[in-house]
Amino acid sequence: MSIEINAKDVMKLRNQTGLSMMECKKALTEAAGDFAKAEDILRKSMKGKMDTKTDRPAGEGRVAVVISPTGAAGMIVEVRAETDFTAKNEKFIAAVEKIAQLAIEKPSGDVPVFPEATAMIDELRISTGENCSYARGHKLAGQEGKTAFGKYVHHDGKTGVLIQAEGDVSDEVLRQLCMHITAAVPVPKGITPNDIPASIVDRERKFRIDQAMESGKPKEIAEKMVEGGMRKFFEEVALLEQPYVIDPTKKVKDVLGPKATVTAFLRWQVGEVQA
């Protein structure tokens, strides 16, 4: 005996899964009109098809940044997709934001993919037909009442910044500093010159020494010449020493003020190679 499938149920299942009317009607027919069973059928069948696409590169996506209700922690996540079209989809944007909100409940530090995130990303893969994936997540944690966090996500969702500070600093200043970190060229590599990773410093110093020696200078002279250039280099890549993007007559440390200290910041861009 054939089962008459209600058009409203087909539309409801389509809205729930993002799949075609034909696929939804087929699943409802197989499930004898049982909506929940039809949804399970689609999830199982489409999940299998999605798994065959995991070798496709995911070069688009979105960054989300959230701050805990207590203000004592901040979370940044990156979720990738294959196309910009999907990355701009409202369902994708909402899912990434929700994943960030769930991730902030995890322990501080790098946050690997977790079951709730996996389930939400599977739903995105099913509804979009794309290889969506949880790329990375990191939580910064501080002390309630002592630590302050700022955040900013660029309008295209591809770059996000999370900053952590202590002392007397307003939310607006922290947001503006996040905007600076987003736009600054070169991208800041540390908070102060002492925070620049040794690998970056050593590579830059060697490059400058090699250049000086190629011009005919002895190594000892070249090394002394390079130190002045390295001081300029530190000013360019240390956050607090950079000219403030919004007002280049000031340095970032002037905007922050003497009563506050930046303790950490993260600047993530979709698809960037992770160190």
Protein backbone atom coordinates (compact mmCIF):
# COMPACT_ATOMS: atom_id res chain seq x y z
CA MET A 1 0.00 0.00 0.00
CA SER A 2 1.46 3.38 -1.03
CA ILE A 3 1.85 6.12 1.57
CA GLU A 4 0.68 9.61 0.67
CA ILE A 5 3.41 12.07 1.57
CA ASN A 6 2.32 15.44 2.92
CA ALA A 7 3.87 18.33 0.98
CA LYS A 8 4.26 20.28 4.21
CA ASP A 9 6.38 17.48 5.66
CA VAL A 10 8.54 17.47 2.54
CA MET A 11 9.07 21.23 2.87
CA LYS A 12 9.76 20.95 6.59
CA LEU A 13 12.37 18.24 5.97
CA ARG A 14 13.90 20.33 3.19
CA ASN A 15 14.18 23.34 5.52
CA GLN A 16 15.67 21.15 8.23
CA THR A 17 18.32 19.52 6.04
CA GLY A 18 18.81 21.89 3.12
CA LEU A 19 18.44 18.98 0.67
CA SER A 20 16.27 18.88 -2.45
CA MET A 21 12.52 18.32 -2.41
CA MET A 22 12.99 15.09 -4.37
CA GLU A 23 15.51 13.67 -1.89
CA CYS A 24 13.29 14.63 1.05
CA LYS A 25 10.20 13.09 -0.52
CA LYS A 26 12.12 9.89 -1.27
CA ALA A 27 13.29 9.65 2.33
CA LEU A 28 9.78 10.27 3.69
CA THR A 29 8.40 7.57 1.39
CA GLU A 30 11.05 5.11 2.59
CA ALA A 31 10.21 6.03 6.18
CA ALA A 32 6.48 5.57 5.56
CA GLY A 33 5.87 9.21 6.41
CA ASP A 34 7.77 9.17 9.72
CA PHE A 35 9.53 12.54 9.79
CA ALA A 36 12.19 11.64 12.38
CA LYS A 37 12.99 8.38 10.62
CA ALA A 38 13.23 10.19 7.27
CA GLU A 39 15.70 12.66 8.74
CA ASP A 40 17.83 9.78 10.03
CA ILE A 41 17.74 8.16 6.60
CA LEU A 42 18.99 11.35 4.98
CA ARG A 43 21.70 11.88 7.56
CA LYS A 44 23.03 8.35 7.08
CA SER A 45 22.90 8.36 3.29
CA MET A 46 24.24 11.88 2.78
CA LYS A 47 26.94 11.50 5.46
CA GLY A 48 28.32 8.59 3.48
CA LYS A 49 28.44 10.69 0.34
CA MET A 50 30.10 13.54 2.22
CA ASP A 51 32.84 11.27 3.54
CA THR A 52 34.01 10.63 -0.02
CA LYS A 53 34.74 14.36 -0.41
CA THR A 54 37.06 14.89 2.54
CA ASP A 55 40.09 15.03 0.26
CA ARG A 56 38.83 18.21 -1.38
CA PRO A 57 40.55 21.37 -0.14
CA ALA A 58 38.55 23.67 2.13
CA GLY A 59 39.97 27.12 1.39
CA GLU A 60 37.07 29.29 2.48
CA GLY A 61 35.31 29.59 5.82
CA ARG A 62 34.78 31.85 8.78
CA VAL A 63 36.35 32.90 12.06
CA ALA A 64 34.20 33.48 15.14
CA VAL A 65 35.29 35.11 18.41
CA VAL A 66 33.27 35.08 21.63
CA ILE A 67 33.82 36.31 25.19
CA SER A 68 32.32 34.48 28.17
CA PRO A 69 29.41 36.13 30.05
CA THR A 70 31.70 36.67 33.06
CA GLY A 71 34.34 38.32 30.88
CA ALA A 72 36.97 35.92 32.24
CA ALA A 73 37.61 34.01 29.01
CA GLY A 74 37.71 34.46 25.26
CA MET A 75 37.43 31.92 22.46
CA ILE A 76 38.39 31.99 18.78
CA VAL A 77 37.54 29.28 16.25
CA GLU A 78 37.97 28.74 12.53
CA VAL A 79 35.61 26.55 10.48
CA ARG A 80 36.34 25.97 6.81
CA ALA A 81 34.24 25.37 3.73
CA GLU A 82 35.00 24.91 0.06
CA THR A 83 33.29 27.99 -1.35
CA ASP A 84 32.76 31.59 -0.35
CA PHE A 85 29.08 31.11 -1.14
CA THR A 86 28.73 28.60 1.68
CA ALA A 87 30.91 30.62 4.06
CA LYS A 88 28.50 33.55 3.66
CA ASN A 89 25.42 31.40 4.19
CA GLU A 90 23.43 32.43 7.29
CA LYS A 91 23.21 28.83 8.51
CA PHE A 92 26.98 28.43 8.24
CA ILE A 93 27.63 31.73 10.05
CA ALA A 94 25.22 30.79 12.85
CA ALA A 95 26.80 27.35 13.22
CA VAL A 96 30.33 28.75 13.53
CA GLU A 97 29.17 31.23 16.16
CA LYS A 98 27.41 28.45 18.09
CA ILE A 99 30.51 26.25 17.93
CA ALA A 100 32.56 29.09 19.43
CA GLN A 101 30.01 29.52 22.22
CA LEU A 102 30.18 25.82 23.02
CA ALA A 103 33.96 25.72 22.79
CA ILE A 104 34.42 28.45 25.40
CA GLU A 105 33.19 25.95 27.99
CA LYS A 106 36.22 23.75 27.26
CA PRO A 107 39.59 23.97 29.10
CA SER A 108 41.90 26.82 28.10
CA GLY A 109 44.51 26.40 25.40
CA ASP A 110 44.06 24.71 22.05
CA VAL A 111 40.56 23.27 21.78
CA PRO A 112 40.37 20.22 19.48
CA VAL A 113 37.16 19.29 17.72
CA PHE A 114 34.53 17.99 20.14
CA PRO A 115 31.34 15.92 19.64
CA GLU A 116 28.90 18.85 19.52
CA ALA A 117 31.04 20.62 16.93
CA THR A 118 31.36 17.43 14.89
CA ALA A 119 27.59 17.01 14.81
CA MET A 120 27.01 20.60 13.71
CA ILE A 121 29.67 20.39 11.01
CA ASP A 122 28.21 17.12 9.75
CA GLU A 123 24.90 18.94 9.37
CA LEU A 124 26.65 21.65 7.35
CA ARG A 125 28.31 19.06 5.15
CA ILE A 126 24.98 17.36 4.51
CA SER A 127 23.07 20.55 3.73
CA THR A 128 25.77 22.21 1.59
CA GLY A 129 27.36 19.20 -0.09
CA GLU A 130 30.75 20.70 0.75
CA ASN A 131 33.73 19.55 2.77
CA CYS A 132 33.20 21.72 5.84
CA SER A 133 35.64 21.16 8.71
CA TYR A 134 36.64 22.41 12.14
CA ALA A 135 40.09 23.87 11.47
CA ARG A 136 41.15 25.00 14.96
CA GLY A 137 40.10 26.62 18.20
CA HIS A 138 41.88 28.31 21.10
CA LYS A 139 40.68 29.58 24.46
CA LEU A 140 42.36 32.32 26.50
CA ALA A 141 41.38 32.41 30.16
CA GLY A 142 41.99 34.92 32.92
CA GLN A 143 40.67 35.96 36.29
CA GLU A 144 37.20 37.42 36.66
CA GLY A 145 37.37 41.07 37.61
CA LYS A 146 41.05 41.30 36.74
CA THR A 147 41.24 40.25 33.10
CA ALA A 148 39.60 42.00 30.17
CA PHE A 149 39.01 40.70 26.66
CA GLY A 150 38.37 42.41 23.36
CA LYS A 151 37.30 40.95 20.04
CA TYR A 152 36.80 41.89 16.42
CA VAL A 153 35.79 39.97 13.30
CA HIS A 154 36.27 41.68 9.95
CA HIS A 155 33.10 42.22 7.91
CA ASP A 156 33.88 39.33 5.54
CA GLY A 157 34.32 36.93 8.47
CA LYS A 158 37.72 35.80 7.22
CA THR A 159 39.88 37.51 9.86
CA GLY A 160 39.26 37.60 13.59
CA VAL A 161 41.20 38.89 16.57
CA LEU A 162 40.99 38.10 20.28
CA ILE A 163 42.98 40.20 22.75
CA GLN A 164 43.54 39.73 26.49
CA ALA A 165 44.59 42.53 28.83
CA GLU A 166 44.88 43.48 32.46
CA GLY A 167 44.52 46.84 34.18
CA ASP A 168 42.47 49.93 33.47
CA VAL A 169 41.30 49.66 29.85
CA SER A 170 37.88 50.07 28.26
CA ASP A 171 36.07 47.60 26.02
CA GLU A 172 36.12 50.16 23.21
CA VAL A 173 39.90 50.57 23.36
CA LEU A 174 40.34 46.80 23.28
CA ARG A 175 38.05 46.58 20.27
CA GLN A 176 40.02 49.29 18.50
CA LEU A 177 43.26 47.46 19.24
CA CYS A 178 41.72 44.34 17.70
CA MET A 179 40.88 46.38 14.60
CA HIS A 180 44.49 47.59 14.51
CA ILE A 181 45.81 44.04 14.70
CA THR A 182 43.49 43.07 11.85
CA ALA A 183 44.67 45.88 9.57
CA ALA A 184 48.32 46.38 10.59
CA VAL A 185 51.05 45.81 8.02
CA PRO A 186 53.22 44.02 8.90
CA VAL A 187 51.10 41.76 11.06
CA PRO A 188 52.32 41.98 14.70
CA LYS A 189 54.35 38.94 15.74
CA GLY A 190 54.44 39.62 19.47
CA ILE A 191 53.36 42.09 22.14
CA THR A 192 56.81 43.57 22.82
CA PRO A 193 60.19 43.10 21.11
CA ASN A 194 61.02 40.46 23.73
CA ASP A 195 57.98 38.43 22.65
CA ILE A 196 58.97 38.01 19.01
CA PRO A 197 59.66 34.29 18.39
CA ALA A 198 63.38 33.54 18.25
CA SER A 199 63.01 31.79 14.89
CA ILE A 200 61.65 34.99 13.31
CA VAL A 201 64.35 37.16 14.91
CA ASP A 202 67.17 34.82 13.89
CA ARG A 203 65.93 34.58 10.30
CA GLU A 204 65.63 38.36 9.99
CA ARG A 205 69.05 39.00 11.52
CA LYS A 206 70.74 36.44 9.25
CA PHE A 207 69.06 37.95 6.20
CA ARG A 208 70.29 41.43 7.07
CA ILE A 209 73.83 40.24 7.87
CA ASP A 210 74.01 38.33 4.57
CA GLN A 211 72.88 41.45 2.71
CA ALA A 212 75.53 43.59 4.39
CA MET A 213 78.27 41.03 3.70
CA GLU A 214 77.26 40.81 0.04
CA SER A 215 77.91 44.52 -0.20
CA GLY A 216 81.52 43.87 0.82
CA LYS A 217 81.39 44.49 4.57
CA PRO A 218 83.34 42.17 6.90
CA LYS A 219 81.15 39.99 9.09
CA GLU A 220 82.00 41.89 12.30
CA ILE A 221 81.08 45.23 10.71
CA ALA A 222 77.96 43.72 9.13
CA GLU A 223 76.75 42.44 12.52
CA LYS A 224 77.15 45.88 14.10
CA MET A 225 75.38 47.57 11.20
CA VAL A 226 72.47 45.15 11.44
CA GLU A 227 71.66 45.92 15.08
CA GLY A 228 70.26 49.35 14.18
CA GLY A 229 68.10 47.76 11.52
CA MET A 230 66.89 45.13 13.96
CA ARG A 231 65.67 47.82 16.36
CA LYS A 232 63.56 49.18 13.49
CA PHE A 233 62.37 45.65 12.73
CA PHE A 234 61.19 45.18 16.32
CA GLU A 235 59.22 48.43 16.12
CA GLU A 236 57.52 47.16 12.98
CA VAL A 237 56.43 43.76 14.30
CA ALA A 238 55.98 44.28 18.06
CA LEU A 239 52.35 45.24 18.69
CA LEU A 240 52.92 47.93 21.34
CA GLU A 241 55.62 49.63 19.24
CA GLN A 242 53.60 49.81 16.02
CA PRO A 243 52.14 53.09 14.75
CA TYR A 244 48.42 53.00 15.55
CA VAL A 245 46.51 52.37 12.30
CA ILE A 246 43.68 54.78 13.14
CA ASP A 247 46.10 57.57 14.17
CA PRO A 248 49.71 56.90 13.03
CA THR A 249 51.00 59.84 15.11
CA LYS A 250 50.53 57.54 18.13
CA LYS A 251 51.93 54.14 18.98
CA VAL A 252 49.70 51.32 20.13
CA LYS A 253 51.17 51.56 23.63
CA ASP A 254 50.03 55.20 23.79
CA VAL A 255 46.46 54.18 22.95
CA LEU A 256 46.53 51.39 25.53
CA GLY A 257 47.73 53.77 28.22
CA PRO A 258 50.13 53.32 31.14
CA LYS A 259 47.62 51.60 33.43
CA ALA A 260 46.97 48.56 31.26
CA THR A 261 48.97 45.65 29.85
CA VAL A 262 48.26 43.36 26.91
CA THR A 263 48.95 39.79 28.00
CA ALA A 264 48.01 37.89 24.83
CA PHE A 265 46.43 38.25 21.42
CA LEU A 266 45.46 35.93 18.58
CA ARG A 267 44.96 37.00 14.97
CA TRP A 268 43.51 34.27 12.78
CA GLN A 269 42.82 34.37 9.09
CA VAL A 270 40.86 31.69 7.23
CA GLY A 271 43.07 29.23 5.40
CA GLU A 272 46.40 30.50 6.69
CA VAL A 273 49.18 27.98 7.19
CA GLN A 274 49.45 27.16 10.87
CA ALA A 275 52.87 27.29 12.49
